Amino acid sequence: MVSFTKLFTTGLLATSALAIPVAKPVTVEVQKRNSTLTSKRGAAYNDISTVSPLSSAGTVSWAYNWAMSLSGSLPSNVDYVPMLWGAKDFGGWVTAIETALSSGSNYILGFNEPDMTSQADMSASQAASYYKTYITPYSGKAKLISPAVTSSTTSGLGLSWFKEFMSDCSSCGISGLAVHWYGNTADEFKSFVTQAASTASSYGLSELWVTEFALNSDAGGVADAATTASFLETVIPWLDANTNVTRYSYFMCADNYLLTNNALNQAGQAYTS
């Protein structure tokens, strides 16, 4: 297994996901899911064993790992959502996604930050072509979520990139928009999510997923637990009450983030309470 490296590129911190997924072998893993989803809250993980401390609180109902296969077993009350991260995974995609769907996955996530050169790195037209080839064929077998774009306001990035993508992918069978956010305040976050919800609605998309979000200061690990907890205590009730938001996951389910020594820390407790 190849370890992942976090990319801290100057000027991109507020808009880049910074999570390079661990390279996963394609394996046939059948883990039937029988959970009844009652929460929007999810766990974004690289190490599957870290999901249990979050799920034990009973408020996390789904998980993803920037990859197309589980690489282990999730708690029985947590659904797995596979992602086609980018071009590097095309070769193993069909086997992996058929396994995920037969195991009970009901959604497919699109590419990870294709608007960023440090991530999936695709033009909007390239992404649309790839989406039609690799993801659209599963429309009807699962709900399809768009590529996850950054919160960058630069032309050609973020929601601007998404709009270009949709001009070529209006018939791709997409049900929802996925976005990421890195910023400094709860008000900034709410403003961006509101804008993203409006964008999704303008394309007739019924779902908005915030699949990765965090304070800039926490991108490399929680810098100040009290600050993070305060932020989460503000935005989590807002997300839960926001009918435009279908699912969300904080960055991330890992030691020095929402966990300390594989137990919920102050930030993790705020996220799961």
Protein backbone atom coordinates (compact mmCIF):
# COMPACT_ATOMS: atom_id res chain seq x y z
CA MET A 1 0.00 0.00 0.00
CA VAL A 2 1.37 3.36 -1.02
CA SER A 3 1.27 6.09 1.61
CA PHE A 4 -0.40 9.39 0.77
CA THR A 5 1.16 12.84 0.85
CA LYS A 6 -0.68 16.02 1.70
CA LEU A 7 -0.03 18.87 -0.65
CA PHE A 8 0.29 22.30 0.93
CA THR A 9 0.62 24.50 -2.13
CA THR A 10 0.80 28.24 -1.42
CA GLY A 11 -2.34 30.00 -2.51
CA LEU A 12 -4.39 26.79 -2.84
CA LEU A 13 -5.03 26.03 0.82
CA ALA A 14 -8.47 27.59 0.86
CA THR A 15 -9.65 25.71 -2.19
CA SER A 16 -7.79 22.42 -2.48
CA ALA A 17 -8.87 19.19 -0.80
CA LEU A 18 -5.30 18.34 0.18
CA ALA A 19 -6.20 14.68 0.51
CA ILE A 20 -4.39 12.24 -1.72
CA PRO A 21 -6.06 8.86 -1.22
CA VAL A 22 -4.11 5.81 -0.31
CA ALA A 23 -3.69 3.64 -3.38
CA LYS A 24 -5.99 0.67 -2.89
CA PRO A 25 -5.82 -2.74 -4.58
CA VAL A 26 -8.95 -3.80 -6.38
CA THR A 27 -10.44 -6.64 -4.36
CA VAL A 28 -13.79 -8.34 -4.35
CA GLU A 29 -15.38 -7.29 -1.09
CA VAL A 30 -19.04 -8.06 -0.54
CA GLN A 31 -20.39 -6.45 2.61
CA LYS A 32 -24.16 -6.17 2.45
CA ARG A 33 -25.50 -2.94 3.90
CA ASN A 34 -28.81 -2.94 5.74
CA SER A 35 -28.72 0.41 7.48
CA THR A 36 -31.55 2.92 7.42
CA LEU A 37 -30.01 6.34 6.91
CA THR A 38 -31.16 8.86 9.48
CA SER A 39 -28.29 11.33 9.31
CA LYS A 40 -26.62 13.46 6.66
CA ARG A 41 -23.31 13.20 8.48
CA GLY A 42 -20.49 11.13 7.03
CA ALA A 43 -16.94 9.97 7.72
CA ALA A 44 -14.17 10.77 5.24
CA TYR A 45 -11.41 8.27 5.93
CA ASN A 46 -8.21 6.70 4.66
CA ASP A 47 -7.93 4.09 7.43
CA ILE A 48 -11.24 2.24 7.72
CA SER A 49 -10.63 1.39 11.38
CA THR A 50 -11.00 5.08 12.26
CA VAL A 51 -14.69 5.12 11.29
CA SER A 52 -15.86 3.14 14.35
CA PRO A 53 -15.22 5.91 16.93
CA LEU A 54 -17.40 8.26 14.86
CA SER A 55 -20.14 5.75 14.11
CA SER A 56 -20.45 4.70 17.75
CA ALA A 57 -22.11 8.04 18.48
CA GLY A 58 -24.97 7.06 16.18
CA THR A 59 -24.93 10.26 14.11
CA VAL A 60 -22.71 9.13 11.21
CA SER A 61 -24.58 7.14 8.58
CA TRP A 62 -22.22 6.93 5.59
CA ALA A 63 -18.54 6.95 4.71
CA TYR A 64 -16.18 7.32 1.78
CA ASN A 65 -12.43 7.08 1.26
CA TRP A 66 -11.70 8.91 -1.99
CA ALA A 67 -11.59 5.46 -3.56
CA MET A 68 -13.72 2.82 -5.25
CA SER A 69 -13.45 -0.03 -2.74
CA LEU A 70 -13.87 -0.43 1.01
CA SER A 71 -10.51 -1.99 1.90
CA GLY A 72 -11.98 -3.54 5.03
CA SER A 73 -15.30 -3.57 6.88
CA LEU A 74 -17.41 -0.64 8.01
CA PRO A 75 -19.70 -0.69 11.05
CA SER A 76 -23.06 -2.20 10.12
CA ASN A 77 -24.89 1.12 10.50
CA VAL A 78 -22.63 2.97 8.03
CA ASP A 79 -23.15 2.88 4.25
CA TYR A 80 -20.20 2.99 1.87
CA VAL A 81 -20.14 5.42 -1.06
CA PRO A 82 -17.58 4.63 -3.78
CA MET A 83 -15.76 7.33 -5.73
CA LEU A 84 -14.05 7.28 -9.11
CA TRP A 85 -11.19 9.56 -8.02
CA GLY A 86 -9.72 10.19 -11.45
CA ALA A 87 -8.02 8.72 -14.50
CA LYS A 88 -5.58 6.64 -12.44
CA ASP A 89 -8.47 4.39 -11.37
CA PHE A 90 -10.10 3.76 -14.74
CA GLY A 91 -8.49 0.33 -15.17
CA GLY A 92 -10.02 -1.20 -12.05
CA TRP A 93 -13.27 0.71 -12.05
CA VAL A 94 -15.74 -1.77 -13.53
CA THR A 95 -14.84 -4.59 -11.14
CA ALA A 96 -14.79 -2.27 -8.13
CA ILE A 97 -18.05 -0.49 -8.81
CA GLU A 98 -19.94 -3.68 -9.62
CA THR A 99 -18.77 -5.05 -6.27
CA ALA A 100 -19.79 -1.89 -4.43
CA LEU A 101 -23.24 -1.85 -6.01
CA SER A 102 -23.82 -5.54 -5.32
CA SER A 103 -22.84 -4.85 -1.70
CA GLY A 104 -25.58 -2.25 -1.35
CA SER A 105 -24.03 1.09 -2.31
CA ASN A 106 -26.73 3.41 -3.65
CA TYR A 107 -24.61 6.36 -4.78
CA ILE A 108 -21.51 6.96 -6.89
CA LEU A 109 -19.28 9.97 -6.32
CA GLY A 110 -17.55 11.58 -9.29
CA PHE A 111 -13.96 12.79 -9.65
CA ASN A 112 -12.03 14.43 -6.81
CA GLU A 113 -11.36 18.12 -7.47
CA PRO A 114 -10.79 17.82 -11.22
CA ASP A 115 -10.58 21.63 -11.27
CA MET A 116 -7.24 21.44 -9.43
CA THR A 117 -3.95 20.43 -11.01
CA SER A 118 -2.85 18.84 -7.71
CA GLN A 119 -5.88 16.52 -7.69
CA ALA A 120 -7.83 14.75 -10.48
CA ASP A 121 -6.81 17.55 -12.91
CA MET A 122 -9.24 17.48 -15.83
CA SER A 123 -10.72 20.11 -18.06
CA ALA A 124 -14.48 20.37 -17.82
CA SER A 125 -14.91 18.83 -21.27
CA GLN A 126 -12.52 15.96 -20.48
CA ALA A 127 -14.36 15.26 -17.24
CA ALA A 128 -17.71 15.24 -19.02
CA SER A 129 -16.43 12.72 -21.56
CA TYR A 130 -14.97 10.47 -18.87
CA TYR A 131 -18.11 10.77 -16.75
CA LYS A 132 -20.28 9.63 -19.66
CA THR A 133 -17.97 6.67 -20.26
CA TYR A 134 -17.39 5.44 -16.73
CA ILE A 135 -20.20 6.67 -14.46
CA THR A 136 -23.32 7.43 -16.52
CA PRO A 137 -23.79 3.74 -17.48
CA TYR A 138 -24.70 3.10 -13.82
CA SER A 139 -27.59 5.56 -13.85
CA GLY A 140 -30.62 3.64 -12.64
CA LYS A 141 -28.46 1.31 -10.55
CA ALA A 142 -27.31 4.15 -8.27
CA LYS A 143 -27.76 7.89 -7.88
CA LEU A 144 -24.90 9.73 -9.55
CA ILE A 145 -23.14 12.65 -7.90
CA SER A 146 -21.06 15.17 -9.82
CA PRO A 147 -17.30 15.62 -9.64
CA ALA A 148 -16.45 17.34 -6.34
CA VAL A 149 -15.26 20.88 -7.05
CA THR A 150 -13.37 23.27 -4.83
CA SER A 151 -14.68 26.50 -3.34
CA SER A 152 -12.35 28.58 -5.49
CA THR A 153 -13.91 31.73 -6.94
CA THR A 154 -11.31 31.93 -9.73
CA SER A 155 -12.79 31.72 -13.21
CA GLY A 156 -12.50 28.18 -14.55
CA LEU A 157 -12.33 26.68 -11.06
CA GLY A 158 -14.90 25.72 -8.43
CA LEU A 159 -18.52 26.32 -9.36
CA SER A 160 -17.36 28.04 -12.55
CA TRP A 161 -15.70 24.76 -13.63
CA PHE A 162 -18.85 22.86 -12.67
CA LYS A 163 -21.01 25.04 -14.90
CA GLU A 164 -18.69 24.35 -17.84
CA PHE A 165 -18.85 20.65 -17.02
CA MET A 166 -22.65 20.66 -16.99
CA SER A 167 -22.80 22.33 -20.37
CA ASP A 168 -21.29 19.09 -21.74
CA CYS A 169 -22.90 16.70 -19.26
CA SER A 170 -26.52 17.80 -18.99
CA SER A 171 -27.63 14.31 -20.09
CA CYS A 172 -25.23 12.39 -17.84
CA GLY A 173 -27.89 11.31 -15.35
CA ILE A 174 -26.46 13.36 -12.48
CA SER A 175 -28.64 13.69 -9.38
CA GLY A 176 -26.49 15.89 -7.18
CA LEU A 177 -23.65 18.39 -6.92
CA ALA A 178 -20.62 17.67 -4.70
CA VAL A 179 -18.49 20.52 -3.36
CA HIS A 180 -15.53 21.08 -1.04
CA TRP A 181 -14.85 24.10 1.14
CA TYR A 182 -11.83 25.43 3.02
CA GLY A 183 -12.08 28.84 4.65
CA ASN A 184 -11.95 30.84 7.84
CA THR A 185 -15.41 31.39 9.32
CA ALA A 186 -18.81 29.80 9.68
CA ASP A 187 -20.38 32.71 7.80
CA GLU A 188 -18.05 32.12 4.83
CA PHE A 189 -19.01 28.46 4.84
CA LYS A 190 -22.74 29.15 4.95
CA SER A 191 -22.45 31.67 2.13
CA PHE A 192 -20.63 29.20 -0.11
CA VAL A 193 -23.03 26.33 0.62
CA THR A 194 -25.98 28.61 -0.11
CA GLN A 195 -24.39 29.57 -3.44
CA ALA A 196 -23.71 25.91 -4.25
CA ALA A 197 -27.31 24.99 -3.44
CA SER A 198 -28.53 27.70 -5.81
CA THR A 199 -26.21 26.37 -8.52
CA ALA A 200 -27.46 22.82 -8.05
CA SER A 201 -31.06 23.98 -8.23
CA SER A 202 -30.41 25.88 -11.46
CA TYR A 203 -29.53 22.55 -13.11
CA GLY A 204 -32.45 20.70 -11.59
CA LEU A 205 -30.22 18.68 -9.27
CA SER A 206 -32.06 17.42 -6.22
CA GLU A 207 -29.06 16.87 -3.94
CA LEU A 208 -26.10 18.85 -2.62
CA TRP A 209 -23.21 17.00 -0.98
CA VAL A 210 -20.49 18.85 0.95
CA THR A 211 -18.09 15.93 0.87
CA GLU A 212 -15.10 17.73 2.34
CA PHE A 213 -14.92 20.90 4.43
CA ALA A 214 -12.71 22.34 7.13
CA LEU A 215 -11.18 25.51 8.46
CA ASN A 216 -8.01 26.51 6.66
CA SER A 217 -6.14 26.18 9.93
CA ASP A 218 -7.22 22.53 10.21
CA ALA A 219 -6.22 21.32 6.75
CA GLY A 220 -3.08 19.70 8.15
CA GLY A 221 -4.66 18.62 11.44
CA VAL A 222 -6.76 20.39 14.05
CA ALA A 223 -4.77 23.46 15.11
CA ASP A 224 -6.97 24.52 18.02
CA ALA A 225 -9.60 22.08 19.21
CA ALA A 226 -11.76 24.71 20.90
CA THR A 227 -11.91 26.81 17.72
CA THR A 228 -12.79 23.80 15.59
CA ALA A 229 -15.43 22.65 18.06
CA SER A 230 -17.00 26.10 18.07
CA PHE A 231 -17.08 26.15 14.27
CA LEU A 232 -18.69 22.71 14.12
CA GLU A 233 -21.21 23.54 16.82
CA THR A 234 -22.32 26.43 14.61
CA VAL A 235 -22.41 24.80 11.19
CA ILE A 236 -23.59 21.26 11.96
CA PRO A 237 -27.09 22.27 13.18
CA TRP A 238 -27.32 24.61 10.19
CA LEU A 239 -26.41 21.84 7.75
CA ASP A 240 -28.86 19.45 9.39
CA ALA A 241 -31.66 22.00 9.12
CA ASN A 242 -30.78 23.01 5.56
CA THR A 243 -33.13 21.09 3.28
CA ASN A 244 -30.87 21.77 0.29
CA VAL A 245 -28.00 19.76 1.80
CA THR A 246 -28.28 15.98 1.47
CA ARG A 247 -24.97 14.78 2.96
CA TYR A 248 -21.75 16.24 4.36
CA SER A 249 -18.44 15.11 5.84
CA TYR A 250 -15.81 17.06 7.74
CA PHE A 251 -12.12 16.66 6.88
CA MET A 252 -11.38 14.15 8.25
CA CYS A 253 -11.76 10.88 10.15
CA ALA A 254 -8.13 10.50 11.24
CA ASP A 255 -5.74 10.96 14.13
CA ASN A 256 -5.00 14.64 14.86
CA TYR A 257 -8.18 15.63 13.03
CA LEU A 258 -11.45 14.36 14.56
CA LEU A 259 -9.59 11.71 16.54
CA THR A 260 -6.73 11.49 19.03
CA ASN A 261 -5.28 8.03 19.60
CA ASN A 262 -8.28 6.55 17.77
CA ALA A 263 -10.79 8.19 20.12
CA LEU A 264 -13.00 11.22 19.56
CA ASN A 265 -11.25 14.44 20.58
CA GLN A 266 -13.01 17.74 21.28
CA ALA A 267 -13.52 18.39 17.57
CA GLY A 268 -14.78 14.84 16.98
CA GLN A 269 -17.22 15.11 19.86
CA ALA A 270 -18.57 18.37 18.44
CA TYR A 271 -18.93 16.72 15.01
CA THR A 272 -20.80 13.66 16.27
CA SER A 273 -22.93 15.20 19.02
